[in-house]
Amino acid sequence: SVKQAKACLTEGNITDIHFKSYES
């Protein structure tokens, strides 16, 4: 969701977000 992406951009909250690598 947009809310989930915005929380990551503003607070660094990566909960339930799938990344391709551990570095990302």
PDBML (XML) file of the C-alpha atoms, coordinates in Angstrom:
<?xml version="1.0" encoding="UTF-8" ?>
<PDBx:datablock datablockName="MODEL"
   xmlns:PDBx="http://pdbml.pdb.org/schema/pdbx-v50.xsd"
   xmlns:xsi="http://www.w3.org/2001/XMLSchema-instance"
   xsi:schemaLocation="http://pdbml.pdb.org/schema/pdbx-v50.xsd pdbx-v50.xsd">
   <PDBx:atom_siteCategory>
      <PDBx:atom_site id="1">
         <PDBx:B_iso_or_equiv>0.00</PDBx:B_iso_or_equiv>
         <PDBx:Cartn_x>0.000</PDBx:Cartn_x>
         <PDBx:Cartn_y>0.000</PDBx:Cartn_y>
         <PDBx:Cartn_z>0.000</PDBx:Cartn_z>
         <PDBx:auth_asym_id>A</PDBx:auth_asym_id>
         <PDBx:auth_atom_id>CA</PDBx:auth_atom_id>
         <PDBx:auth_comp_id>SER</PDBx:auth_comp_id>
         <PDBx:auth_seq_id>1</PDBx:auth_seq_id>
         <PDBx:group_PDB>ATOM</PDBx:group_PDB>
         <PDBx:label_alt_id xsi:nil="true" />
         <PDBx:label_asym_id>A</PDBx:label_asym_id>
         <PDBx:label_atom_id>CA</PDBx:label_atom_id>
         <PDBx:label_comp_id>SER</PDBx:label_comp_id>
         <PDBx:label_entity_id>1</PDBx:label_entity_id>
         <PDBx:label_seq_id>1</PDBx:label_seq_id>
         <PDBx:occupancy>1.00</PDBx:occupancy>
         <PDBx:pdbx_PDB_model_num>1</PDBx:pdbx_PDB_model_num>
         <PDBx:type_symbol>C</PDBx:type_symbol>
      </PDBx:atom_site>
      <PDBx:atom_site id="2">
         <PDBx:B_iso_or_equiv>0.00</PDBx:B_iso_or_equiv>
         <PDBx:Cartn_x>0.951</PDBx:Cartn_x>
         <PDBx:Cartn_y>3.652</PDBx:Cartn_y>
         <PDBx:Cartn_z>-0.358</PDBx:Cartn_z>
         <PDBx:auth_asym_id>A</PDBx:auth_asym_id>
         <PDBx:auth_atom_id>CA</PDBx:auth_atom_id>
         <PDBx:auth_comp_id>VAL</PDBx:auth_comp_id>
         <PDBx:auth_seq_id>2</PDBx:auth_seq_id>
         <PDBx:group_PDB>ATOM</PDBx:group_PDB>
         <PDBx:label_alt_id xsi:nil="true" />
         <PDBx:label_asym_id>A</PDBx:label_asym_id>
         <PDBx:label_atom_id>CA</PDBx:label_atom_id>
         <PDBx:label_comp_id>VAL</PDBx:label_comp_id>
         <PDBx:label_entity_id>1</PDBx:label_entity_id>
         <PDBx:label_seq_id>2</PDBx:label_seq_id>
         <PDBx:occupancy>1.00</PDBx:occupancy>
         <PDBx:pdbx_PDB_model_num>1</PDBx:pdbx_PDB_model_num>
         <PDBx:type_symbol>C</PDBx:type_symbol>
      </PDBx:atom_site>
      <PDBx:atom_site id="3">
         <PDBx:B_iso_or_equiv>0.00</PDBx:B_iso_or_equiv>
         <PDBx:Cartn_x>0.697</PDBx:Cartn_x>
         <PDBx:Cartn_y>4.036</PDBx:Cartn_y>
         <PDBx:Cartn_z>3.409</PDBx:Cartn_z>
         <PDBx:auth_asym_id>A</PDBx:auth_asym_id>
         <PDBx:auth_atom_id>CA</PDBx:auth_atom_id>
         <PDBx:auth_comp_id>LYS</PDBx:auth_comp_id>
         <PDBx:auth_seq_id>3</PDBx:auth_seq_id>
         <PDBx:group_PDB>ATOM</PDBx:group_PDB>
         <PDBx:label_alt_id xsi:nil="true" />
         <PDBx:label_asym_id>A</PDBx:label_asym_id>
         <PDBx:label_atom_id>CA</PDBx:label_atom_id>
         <PDBx:label_comp_id>LYS</PDBx:label_comp_id>
         <PDBx:label_entity_id>1</PDBx:label_entity_id>
         <PDBx:label_seq_id>3</PDBx:label_seq_id>
         <PDBx:occupancy>1.00</PDBx:occupancy>
         <PDBx:pdbx_PDB_model_num>1</PDBx:pdbx_PDB_model_num>
         <PDBx:type_symbol>C</PDBx:type_symbol>
      </PDBx:atom_site>
      <PDBx:atom_site id="4">
         <PDBx:B_iso_or_equiv>0.00</PDBx:B_iso_or_equiv>
         <PDBx:Cartn_x>3.194</PDBx:Cartn_x>
         <PDBx:Cartn_y>1.213</PDBx:Cartn_y>
         <PDBx:Cartn_z>3.895</PDBx:Cartn_z>
         <PDBx:auth_asym_id>A</PDBx:auth_asym_id>
         <PDBx:auth_atom_id>CA</PDBx:auth_atom_id>
         <PDBx:auth_comp_id>GLN</PDBx:auth_comp_id>
         <PDBx:auth_seq_id>4</PDBx:auth_seq_id>
         <PDBx:group_PDB>ATOM</PDBx:group_PDB>
         <PDBx:label_alt_id xsi:nil="true" />
         <PDBx:label_asym_id>A</PDBx:label_asym_id>
         <PDBx:label_atom_id>CA</PDBx:label_atom_id>
         <PDBx:label_comp_id>GLN</PDBx:label_comp_id>
         <PDBx:label_entity_id>1</PDBx:label_entity_id>
         <PDBx:label_seq_id>4</PDBx:label_seq_id>
         <PDBx:occupancy>1.00</PDBx:occupancy>
         <PDBx:pdbx_PDB_model_num>1</PDBx:pdbx_PDB_model_num>
         <PDBx:type_symbol>C</PDBx:type_symbol>
      </PDBx:atom_site>
      <PDBx:atom_site id="5">
         <PDBx:B_iso_or_equiv>0.00</PDBx:B_iso_or_equiv>
         <PDBx:Cartn_x>5.630</PDBx:Cartn_x>
         <PDBx:Cartn_y>2.742</PDBx:Cartn_y>
         <PDBx:Cartn_z>1.374</PDBx:Cartn_z>
         <PDBx:auth_asym_id>A</PDBx:auth_asym_id>
         <PDBx:auth_atom_id>CA</PDBx:auth_atom_id>
         <PDBx:auth_comp_id>ALA</PDBx:auth_comp_id>
         <PDBx:auth_seq_id>5</PDBx:auth_seq_id>
         <PDBx:group_PDB>ATOM</PDBx:group_PDB>
         <PDBx:label_alt_id xsi:nil="true" />
         <PDBx:label_asym_id>A</PDBx:label_asym_id>
         <PDBx:label_atom_id>CA</PDBx:label_atom_id>
         <PDBx:label_comp_id>ALA</PDBx:label_comp_id>
         <PDBx:label_entity_id>1</PDBx:label_entity_id>
         <PDBx:label_seq_id>5</PDBx:label_seq_id>
         <PDBx:occupancy>1.00</PDBx:occupancy>
         <PDBx:pdbx_PDB_model_num>1</PDBx:pdbx_PDB_model_num>
         <PDBx:type_symbol>C</PDBx:type_symbol>
      </PDBx:atom_site>
      <PDBx:atom_site id="6">
         <PDBx:B_iso_or_equiv>0.00</PDBx:B_iso_or_equiv>
         <PDBx:Cartn_x>5.264</PDBx:Cartn_x>
         <PDBx:Cartn_y>6.234</PDBx:Cartn_y>
         <PDBx:Cartn_z>2.954</PDBx:Cartn_z>
         <PDBx:auth_asym_id>A</PDBx:auth_asym_id>
         <PDBx:auth_atom_id>CA</PDBx:auth_atom_id>
         <PDBx:auth_comp_id>LYS</PDBx:auth_comp_id>
         <PDBx:auth_seq_id>6</PDBx:auth_seq_id>
         <PDBx:group_PDB>ATOM</PDBx:group_PDB>
         <PDBx:label_alt_id xsi:nil="true" />
         <PDBx:label_asym_id>A</PDBx:label_asym_id>
         <PDBx:label_atom_id>CA</PDBx:label_atom_id>
         <PDBx:label_comp_id>LYS</PDBx:label_comp_id>
         <PDBx:label_entity_id>1</PDBx:label_entity_id>
         <PDBx:label_seq_id>6</PDBx:label_seq_id>
         <PDBx:occupancy>1.00</PDBx:occupancy>
         <PDBx:pdbx_PDB_model_num>1</PDBx:pdbx_PDB_model_num>
         <PDBx:type_symbol>C</PDBx:type_symbol>
      </PDBx:atom_site>
      <PDBx:atom_site id="7">
         <PDBx:B_iso_or_equiv>0.00</PDBx:B_iso_or_equiv>
         <PDBx:Cartn_x>5.994</PDBx:Cartn_x>
         <PDBx:Cartn_y>4.820</PDBx:Cartn_y>
         <PDBx:Cartn_z>6.418</PDBx:Cartn_z>
         <PDBx:auth_asym_id>A</PDBx:auth_asym_id>
         <PDBx:auth_atom_id>CA</PDBx:auth_atom_id>
         <PDBx:auth_comp_id>ALA</PDBx:auth_comp_id>
         <PDBx:auth_seq_id>7</PDBx:auth_seq_id>
         <PDBx:group_PDB>ATOM</PDBx:group_PDB>
         <PDBx:label_alt_id xsi:nil="true" />
         <PDBx:label_asym_id>A</PDBx:label_asym_id>
         <PDBx:label_atom_id>CA</PDBx:label_atom_id>
         <PDBx:label_comp_id>ALA</PDBx:label_comp_id>
         <PDBx:label_entity_id>1</PDBx:label_entity_id>
         <PDBx:label_seq_id>7</PDBx:label_seq_id>
         <PDBx:occupancy>1.00</PDBx:occupancy>
         <PDBx:pdbx_PDB_model_num>1</PDBx:pdbx_PDB_model_num>
         <PDBx:type_symbol>C</PDBx:type_symbol>
      </PDBx:atom_site>
      <PDBx:atom_site id="8">
         <PDBx:B_iso_or_equiv>0.00</PDBx:B_iso_or_equiv>
         <PDBx:Cartn_x>9.191</PDBx:Cartn_x>
         <PDBx:Cartn_y>3.302</PDBx:Cartn_y>
         <PDBx:Cartn_z>5.088</PDBx:Cartn_z>
         <PDBx:auth_asym_id>A</PDBx:auth_asym_id>
         <PDBx:auth_atom_id>CA</PDBx:auth_atom_id>
         <PDBx:auth_comp_id>CYS</PDBx:auth_comp_id>
         <PDBx:auth_seq_id>8</PDBx:auth_seq_id>
         <PDBx:group_PDB>ATOM</PDBx:group_PDB>
         <PDBx:label_alt_id xsi:nil="true" />
         <PDBx:label_asym_id>A</PDBx:label_asym_id>
         <PDBx:label_atom_id>CA</PDBx:label_atom_id>
         <PDBx:label_comp_id>CYS</PDBx:label_comp_id>
         <PDBx:label_entity_id>1</PDBx:label_entity_id>
         <PDBx:label_seq_id>8</PDBx:label_seq_id>
         <PDBx:occupancy>1.00</PDBx:occupancy>
         <PDBx:pdbx_PDB_model_num>1</PDBx:pdbx_PDB_model_num>
         <PDBx:type_symbol>C</PDBx:type_symbol>
      </PDBx:atom_site>
      <PDBx:atom_site id="9">
         <PDBx:B_iso_or_equiv>0.00</PDBx:B_iso_or_equiv>
         <PDBx:Cartn_x>10.259</PDBx:Cartn_x>
         <PDBx:Cartn_y>6.563</PDBx:Cartn_y>
         <PDBx:Cartn_z>3.421</PDBx:Cartn_z>
         <PDBx:auth_asym_id>A</PDBx:auth_asym_id>
         <PDBx:auth_atom_id>CA</PDBx:auth_atom_id>
         <PDBx:auth_comp_id>LEU</PDBx:auth_comp_id>
         <PDBx:auth_seq_id>9</PDBx:auth_seq_id>
         <PDBx:group_PDB>ATOM</PDBx:group_PDB>
         <PDBx:label_alt_id xsi:nil="true" />
         <PDBx:label_asym_id>A</PDBx:label_asym_id>
         <PDBx:label_atom_id>CA</PDBx:label_atom_id>
         <PDBx:label_comp_id>LEU</PDBx:label_comp_id>
         <PDBx:label_entity_id>1</PDBx:label_entity_id>
         <PDBx:label_seq_id>9</PDBx:label_seq_id>
         <PDBx:occupancy>1.00</PDBx:occupancy>
         <PDBx:pdbx_PDB_model_num>1</PDBx:pdbx_PDB_model_num>
         <PDBx:type_symbol>C</PDBx:type_symbol>
      </PDBx:atom_site>
      <PDBx:atom_site id="10">
         <PDBx:B_iso_or_equiv>0.00</PDBx:B_iso_or_equiv>
         <PDBx:Cartn_x>9.613</PDBx:Cartn_x>
         <PDBx:Cartn_y>8.704</PDBx:Cartn_y>
         <PDBx:Cartn_z>6.491</PDBx:Cartn_z>
         <PDBx:auth_asym_id>A</PDBx:auth_asym_id>
         <PDBx:auth_atom_id>CA</PDBx:auth_atom_id>
         <PDBx:auth_comp_id>THR</PDBx:auth_comp_id>
         <PDBx:auth_seq_id>10</PDBx:auth_seq_id>
         <PDBx:group_PDB>ATOM</PDBx:group_PDB>
         <PDBx:label_alt_id xsi:nil="true" />
         <PDBx:label_asym_id>A</PDBx:label_asym_id>
         <PDBx:label_atom_id>CA</PDBx:label_atom_id>
         <PDBx:label_comp_id>THR</PDBx:label_comp_id>
         <PDBx:label_entity_id>1</PDBx:label_entity_id>
         <PDBx:label_seq_id>10</PDBx:label_seq_id>
         <PDBx:occupancy>1.00</PDBx:occupancy>
         <PDBx:pdbx_PDB_model_num>1</PDBx:pdbx_PDB_model_num>
         <PDBx:type_symbol>C</PDBx:type_symbol>
      </PDBx:atom_site>
      <PDBx:atom_site id="11">
         <PDBx:B_iso_or_equiv>0.00</PDBx:B_iso_or_equiv>
         <PDBx:Cartn_x>10.401</PDBx:Cartn_x>
         <PDBx:Cartn_y>6.339</PDBx:Cartn_y>
         <PDBx:Cartn_z>9.376</PDBx:Cartn_z>
         <PDBx:auth_asym_id>A</PDBx:auth_asym_id>
         <PDBx:auth_atom_id>CA</PDBx:auth_atom_id>
         <PDBx:auth_comp_id>GLU</PDBx:auth_comp_id>
         <PDBx:auth_seq_id>11</PDBx:auth_seq_id>
         <PDBx:group_PDB>ATOM</PDBx:group_PDB>
         <PDBx:label_alt_id xsi:nil="true" />
         <PDBx:label_asym_id>A</PDBx:label_asym_id>
         <PDBx:label_atom_id>CA</PDBx:label_atom_id>
         <PDBx:label_comp_id>GLU</PDBx:label_comp_id>
         <PDBx:label_entity_id>1</PDBx:label_entity_id>
         <PDBx:label_seq_id>11</PDBx:label_seq_id>
         <PDBx:occupancy>1.00</PDBx:occupancy>
         <PDBx:pdbx_PDB_model_num>1</PDBx:pdbx_PDB_model_num>
         <PDBx:type_symbol>C</PDBx:type_symbol>
      </PDBx:atom_site>
      <PDBx:atom_site id="12">
         <PDBx:B_iso_or_equiv>0.00</PDBx:B_iso_or_equiv>
         <PDBx:Cartn_x>12.441</PDBx:Cartn_x>
         <PDBx:Cartn_y>3.522</PDBx:Cartn_y>
         <PDBx:Cartn_z>7.847</PDBx:Cartn_z>
         <PDBx:auth_asym_id>A</PDBx:auth_asym_id>
         <PDBx:auth_atom_id>CA</PDBx:auth_atom_id>
         <PDBx:auth_comp_id>GLY</PDBx:auth_comp_id>
         <PDBx:auth_seq_id>12</PDBx:auth_seq_id>
         <PDBx:group_PDB>ATOM</PDBx:group_PDB>
         <PDBx:label_alt_id xsi:nil="true" />
         <PDBx:label_asym_id>A</PDBx:label_asym_id>
         <PDBx:label_atom_id>CA</PDBx:label_atom_id>
         <PDBx:label_comp_id>GLY</PDBx:label_comp_id>
         <PDBx:label_entity_id>1</PDBx:label_entity_id>
         <PDBx:label_seq_id>12</PDBx:label_seq_id>
         <PDBx:occupancy>1.00</PDBx:occupancy>
         <PDBx:pdbx_PDB_model_num>1</PDBx:pdbx_PDB_model_num>
         <PDBx:type_symbol>C</PDBx:type_symbol>
      </PDBx:atom_site>
      <PDBx:atom_site id="13">
         <PDBx:B_iso_or_equiv>0.00</PDBx:B_iso_or_equiv>
         <PDBx:Cartn_x>9.659</PDBx:Cartn_x>
         <PDBx:Cartn_y>1.037</PDBx:Cartn_y>
         <PDBx:Cartn_z>8.752</PDBx:Cartn_z>
         <PDBx:auth_asym_id>A</PDBx:auth_asym_id>
         <PDBx:auth_atom_id>CA</PDBx:auth_atom_id>
         <PDBx:auth_comp_id>ASN</PDBx:auth_comp_id>
         <PDBx:auth_seq_id>13</PDBx:auth_seq_id>
         <PDBx:group_PDB>ATOM</PDBx:group_PDB>
         <PDBx:label_alt_id xsi:nil="true" />
         <PDBx:label_asym_id>A</PDBx:label_asym_id>
         <PDBx:label_atom_id>CA</PDBx:label_atom_id>
         <PDBx:label_comp_id>ASN</PDBx:label_comp_id>
         <PDBx:label_entity_id>1</PDBx:label_entity_id>
         <PDBx:label_seq_id>13</PDBx:label_seq_id>
         <PDBx:occupancy>1.00</PDBx:occupancy>
         <PDBx:pdbx_PDB_model_num>1</PDBx:pdbx_PDB_model_num>
         <PDBx:type_symbol>C</PDBx:type_symbol>
      </PDBx:atom_site>
      <PDBx:atom_site id="14">
         <PDBx:B_iso_or_equiv>0.00</PDBx:B_iso_or_equiv>
         <PDBx:Cartn_x>10.238</PDBx:Cartn_x>
         <PDBx:Cartn_y>-2.037</PDBx:Cartn_y>
         <PDBx:Cartn_z>6.568</PDBx:Cartn_z>
         <PDBx:auth_asym_id>A</PDBx:auth_asym_id>
         <PDBx:auth_atom_id>CA</PDBx:auth_atom_id>
         <PDBx:auth_comp_id>ILE</PDBx:auth_comp_id>
         <PDBx:auth_seq_id>14</PDBx:auth_seq_id>
         <PDBx:group_PDB>ATOM</PDBx:group_PDB>
         <PDBx:label_alt_id xsi:nil="true" />
         <PDBx:label_asym_id>A</PDBx:label_asym_id>
         <PDBx:label_atom_id>CA</PDBx:label_atom_id>
         <PDBx:label_comp_id>ILE</PDBx:label_comp_id>
         <PDBx:label_entity_id>1</PDBx:label_entity_id>
         <PDBx:label_seq_id>14</PDBx:label_seq_id>
         <PDBx:occupancy>1.00</PDBx:occupancy>
         <PDBx:pdbx_PDB_model_num>1</PDBx:pdbx_PDB_model_num>
         <PDBx:type_symbol>C</PDBx:type_symbol>
      </PDBx:atom_site>
      <PDBx:atom_site id="15">
         <PDBx:B_iso_or_equiv>0.00</PDBx:B_iso_or_equiv>
         <PDBx:Cartn_x>7.583</PDBx:Cartn_x>
         <PDBx:Cartn_y>-4.280</PDBx:Cartn_y>
         <PDBx:Cartn_z>8.133</PDBx:Cartn_z>
         <PDBx:auth_asym_id>A</PDBx:auth_asym_id>
         <PDBx:auth_atom_id>CA</PDBx:auth_atom_id>
         <PDBx:auth_comp_id>THR</PDBx:auth_comp_id>
         <PDBx:auth_seq_id>15</PDBx:auth_seq_id>
         <PDBx:group_PDB>ATOM</PDBx:group_PDB>
         <PDBx:label_alt_id xsi:nil="true" />
         <PDBx:label_asym_id>A</PDBx:label_asym_id>
         <PDBx:label_atom_id>CA</PDBx:label_atom_id>
         <PDBx:label_comp_id>THR</PDBx:label_comp_id>
         <PDBx:label_entity_id>1</PDBx:label_entity_id>
         <PDBx:label_seq_id>15</PDBx:label_seq_id>
         <PDBx:occupancy>1.00</PDBx:occupancy>
         <PDBx:pdbx_PDB_model_num>1</PDBx:pdbx_PDB_model_num>
         <PDBx:type_symbol>C</PDBx:type_symbol>
      </PDBx:atom_site>
      <PDBx:atom_site id="16">
         <PDBx:B_iso_or_equiv>0.00</PDBx:B_iso_or_equiv>
         <PDBx:Cartn_x>6.006</PDBx:Cartn_x>
         <PDBx:Cartn_y>-6.604</PDBx:Cartn_y>
         <PDBx:Cartn_z>5.532</PDBx:Cartn_z>
         <PDBx:auth_asym_id>A</PDBx:auth_asym_id>
         <PDBx:auth_atom_id>CA</PDBx:auth_atom_id>
         <PDBx:auth_comp_id>ASP</PDBx:auth_comp_id>
         <PDBx:auth_seq_id>16</PDBx:auth_seq_id>
         <PDBx:group_PDB>ATOM</PDBx:group_PDB>
         <PDBx:label_alt_id xsi:nil="true" />
         <PDBx:label_asym_id>A</PDBx:label_asym_id>
         <PDBx:label_atom_id>CA</PDBx:label_atom_id>
         <PDBx:label_comp_id>ASP</PDBx:label_comp_id>
         <PDBx:label_entity_id>1</PDBx:label_entity_id>
         <PDBx:label_seq_id>16</PDBx:label_seq_id>
         <PDBx:occupancy>1.00</PDBx:occupancy>
         <PDBx:pdbx_PDB_model_num>1</PDBx:pdbx_PDB_model_num>
         <PDBx:type_symbol>C</PDBx:type_symbol>
      </PDBx:atom_site>
      <PDBx:atom_site id="17">
         <PDBx:B_iso_or_equiv>0.00</PDBx:B_iso_or_equiv>
         <PDBx:Cartn_x>7.977</PDBx:Cartn_x>
         <PDBx:Cartn_y>-5.002</PDBx:Cartn_y>
         <PDBx:Cartn_z>2.675</PDBx:Cartn_z>
         <PDBx:auth_asym_id>A</PDBx:auth_asym_id>
         <PDBx:auth_atom_id>CA</PDBx:auth_atom_id>
         <PDBx:auth_comp_id>ILE</PDBx:auth_comp_id>
         <PDBx:auth_seq_id>17</PDBx:auth_seq_id>
         <PDBx:group_PDB>ATOM</PDBx:group_PDB>
         <PDBx:label_alt_id xsi:nil="true" />
         <PDBx:label_asym_id>A</PDBx:label_asym_id>
         <PDBx:label_atom_id>CA</PDBx:label_atom_id>
         <PDBx:label_comp_id>ILE</PDBx:label_comp_id>
         <PDBx:label_entity_id>1</PDBx:label_entity_id>
         <PDBx:label_seq_id>17</PDBx:label_seq_id>
         <PDBx:occupancy>1.00</PDBx:occupancy>
         <PDBx:pdbx_PDB_model_num>1</PDBx:pdbx_PDB_model_num>
         <PDBx:type_symbol>C</PDBx:type_symbol>
      </PDBx:atom_site>
      <PDBx:atom_site id="18">
         <PDBx:B_iso_or_equiv>0.00</PDBx:B_iso_or_equiv>
         <PDBx:Cartn_x>9.766</PDBx:Cartn_x>
         <PDBx:Cartn_y>-7.490</PDBx:Cartn_y>
         <PDBx:Cartn_z>0.371</PDBx:Cartn_z>
         <PDBx:auth_asym_id>A</PDBx:auth_asym_id>
         <PDBx:auth_atom_id>CA</PDBx:auth_atom_id>
         <PDBx:auth_comp_id>HIS</PDBx:auth_comp_id>
         <PDBx:auth_seq_id>18</PDBx:auth_seq_id>
         <PDBx:group_PDB>ATOM</PDBx:group_PDB>
         <PDBx:label_alt_id xsi:nil="true" />
         <PDBx:label_asym_id>A</PDBx:label_asym_id>
         <PDBx:label_atom_id>CA</PDBx:label_atom_id>
         <PDBx:label_comp_id>HIS</PDBx:label_comp_id>
         <PDBx:label_entity_id>1</PDBx:label_entity_id>
         <PDBx:label_seq_id>18</PDBx:label_seq_id>
         <PDBx:occupancy>1.00</PDBx:occupancy>
         <PDBx:pdbx_PDB_model_num>1</PDBx:pdbx_PDB_model_num>
         <PDBx:type_symbol>C</PDBx:type_symbol>
      </PDBx:atom_site>
      <PDBx:atom_site id="19">
         <PDBx:B_iso_or_equiv>0.00</PDBx:B_iso_or_equiv>
         <PDBx:Cartn_x>13.291</PDBx:Cartn_x>
         <PDBx:Cartn_y>-6.577</PDBx:Cartn_y>
         <PDBx:Cartn_z>-0.743</PDBx:Cartn_z>
         <PDBx:auth_asym_id>A</PDBx:auth_asym_id>
         <PDBx:auth_atom_id>CA</PDBx:auth_atom_id>
         <PDBx:auth_comp_id>PHE</PDBx:auth_comp_id>
         <PDBx:auth_seq_id>19</PDBx:auth_seq_id>
         <PDBx:group_PDB>ATOM</PDBx:group_PDB>
         <PDBx:label_alt_id xsi:nil="true" />
         <PDBx:label_asym_id>A</PDBx:label_asym_id>
         <PDBx:label_atom_id>CA</PDBx:label_atom_id>
         <PDBx:label_comp_id>PHE</PDBx:label_comp_id>
         <PDBx:label_entity_id>1</PDBx:label_entity_id>
         <PDBx:label_seq_id>19</PDBx:label_seq_id>
         <PDBx:occupancy>1.00</PDBx:occupancy>
         <PDBx:pdbx_PDB_model_num>1</PDBx:pdbx_PDB_model_num>
         <PDBx:type_symbol>C</PDBx:type_symbol>
      </PDBx:atom_site>
      <PDBx:atom_site id="20">
         <PDBx:B_iso_or_equiv>0.00</PDBx:B_iso_or_equiv>
         <PDBx:Cartn_x>15.525</PDBx:Cartn_x>
         <PDBx:Cartn_y>-8.284</PDBx:Cartn_y>
         <PDBx:Cartn_z>-3.303</PDBx:Cartn_z>
         <PDBx:auth_asym_id>A</PDBx:auth_asym_id>
         <PDBx:auth_atom_id>CA</PDBx:auth_atom_id>
         <PDBx:auth_comp_id>LYS</PDBx:auth_comp_id>
         <PDBx:auth_seq_id>20</PDBx:auth_seq_id>
         <PDBx:group_PDB>ATOM</PDBx:group_PDB>
         <PDBx:label_alt_id xsi:nil="true" />
         <PDBx:label_asym_id>A</PDBx:label_asym_id>
         <PDBx:label_atom_id>CA</PDBx:label_atom_id>
         <PDBx:label_comp_id>LYS</PDBx:label_comp_id>
         <PDBx:label_entity_id>1</PDBx:label_entity_id>
         <PDBx:label_seq_id>20</PDBx:label_seq_id>
         <PDBx:occupancy>1.00</PDBx:occupancy>
         <PDBx:pdbx_PDB_model_num>1</PDBx:pdbx_PDB_model_num>
         <PDBx:type_symbol>C</PDBx:type_symbol>
      </PDBx:atom_site>
      <PDBx:atom_site id="21">
         <PDBx:B_iso_or_equiv>0.00</PDBx:B_iso_or_equiv>
         <PDBx:Cartn_x>18.602</PDBx:Cartn_x>
         <PDBx:Cartn_y>-8.172</PDBx:Cartn_y>
         <PDBx:Cartn_z>-1.086</PDBx:Cartn_z>
         <PDBx:auth_asym_id>A</PDBx:auth_asym_id>
         <PDBx:auth_atom_id>CA</PDBx:auth_atom_id>
         <PDBx:auth_comp_id>SER</PDBx:auth_comp_id>
         <PDBx:auth_seq_id>21</PDBx:auth_seq_id>
         <PDBx:group_PDB>ATOM</PDBx:group_PDB>
         <PDBx:label_alt_id xsi:nil="true" />
         <PDBx:label_asym_id>A</PDBx:label_asym_id>
         <PDBx:label_atom_id>CA</PDBx:label_atom_id>
         <PDBx:label_comp_id>SER</PDBx:label_comp_id>
         <PDBx:label_entity_id>1</PDBx:label_entity_id>
         <PDBx:label_seq_id>21</PDBx:label_seq_id>
         <PDBx:occupancy>1.00</PDBx:occupancy>
         <PDBx:pdbx_PDB_model_num>1</PDBx:pdbx_PDB_model_num>
         <PDBx:type_symbol>C</PDBx:type_symbol>
      </PDBx:atom_site>
      <PDBx:atom_site id="22">
         <PDBx:B_iso_or_equiv>0.00</PDBx:B_iso_or_equiv>
         <PDBx:Cartn_x>19.582</PDBx:Cartn_x>
         <PDBx:Cartn_y>-7.773</PDBx:Cartn_y>
         <PDBx:Cartn_z>2.514</PDBx:Cartn_z>
         <PDBx:auth_asym_id>A</PDBx:auth_asym_id>
         <PDBx:auth_atom_id>CA</PDBx:auth_atom_id>
         <PDBx:auth_comp_id>TYR</PDBx:auth_comp_id>
         <PDBx:auth_seq_id>22</PDBx:auth_seq_id>
         <PDBx:group_PDB>ATOM</PDBx:group_PDB>
         <PDBx:label_alt_id xsi:nil="true" />
         <PDBx:label_asym_id>A</PDBx:label_asym_id>
         <PDBx:label_atom_id>CA</PDBx:label_atom_id>
         <PDBx:label_comp_id>TYR</PDBx:label_comp_id>
         <PDBx:label_entity_id>1</PDBx:label_entity_id>
         <PDBx:label_seq_id>22</PDBx:label_seq_id>
         <PDBx:occupancy>1.00</PDBx:occupancy>
         <PDBx:pdbx_PDB_model_num>1</PDBx:pdbx_PDB_model_num>
         <PDBx:type_symbol>C</PDBx:type_symbol>
      </PDBx:atom_site>
      <PDBx:atom_site id="23">
         <PDBx:B_iso_or_equiv>0.00</PDBx:B_iso_or_equiv>
         <PDBx:Cartn_x>21.625</PDBx:Cartn_x>
         <PDBx:Cartn_y>-4.651</PDBx:Cartn_y>
         <PDBx:Cartn_z>1.632</PDBx:Cartn_z>
         <PDBx:auth_asym_id>A</PDBx:auth_asym_id>
         <PDBx:auth_atom_id>CA</PDBx:auth_atom_id>
         <PDBx:auth_comp_id>GLU</PDBx:auth_comp_id>
         <PDBx:auth_seq_id>23</PDBx:auth_seq_id>
         <PDBx:group_PDB>ATOM</PDBx:group_PDB>
         <PDBx:label_alt_id xsi:nil="true" />
         <PDBx:label_asym_id>A</PDBx:label_asym_id>
         <PDBx:label_atom_id>CA</PDBx:label_atom_id>
         <PDBx:label_comp_id>GLU</PDBx:label_comp_id>
         <PDBx:label_entity_id>1</PDBx:label_entity_id>
         <PDBx:label_seq_id>23</PDBx:label_seq_id>
         <PDBx:occupancy>1.00</PDBx:occupancy>
         <PDBx:pdbx_PDB_model_num>1</PDBx:pdbx_PDB_model_num>
         <PDBx:type_symbol>C</PDBx:type_symbol>
      </PDBx:atom_site>
      <PDBx:atom_site id="24">
         <PDBx:B_iso_or_equiv>0.00</PDBx:B_iso_or_equiv>
         <PDBx:Cartn_x>18.511</PDBx:Cartn_x>
         <PDBx:Cartn_y>-2.913</PDBx:Cartn_y>
         <PDBx:Cartn_z>0.251</PDBx:Cartn_z>
         <PDBx:auth_asym_id>A</PDBx:auth_asym_id>
         <PDBx:auth_atom_id>CA</PDBx:auth_atom_id>
         <PDBx:auth_comp_id>SER</PDBx:auth_comp_id>
         <PDBx:auth_seq_id>24</PDBx:auth_seq_id>
         <PDBx:group_PDB>ATOM</PDBx:group_PDB>
         <PDBx:label_alt_id xsi:nil="true" />
         <PDBx:label_asym_id>A</PDBx:label_asym_id>
         <PDBx:label_atom_id>CA</PDBx:label_atom_id>
         <PDBx:label_comp_id>SER</PDBx:label_comp_id>
         <PDBx:label_entity_id>1</PDBx:label_entity_id>
         <PDBx:label_seq_id>24</PDBx:label_seq_id>
         <PDBx:occupancy>1.00</PDBx:occupancy>
         <PDBx:pdbx_PDB_model_num>1</PDBx:pdbx_PDB_model_num>
         <PDBx:type_symbol>C</PDBx:type_symbol>
      </PDBx:atom_site>
   </PDBx:atom_siteCategory>
</PDBx:datablock>
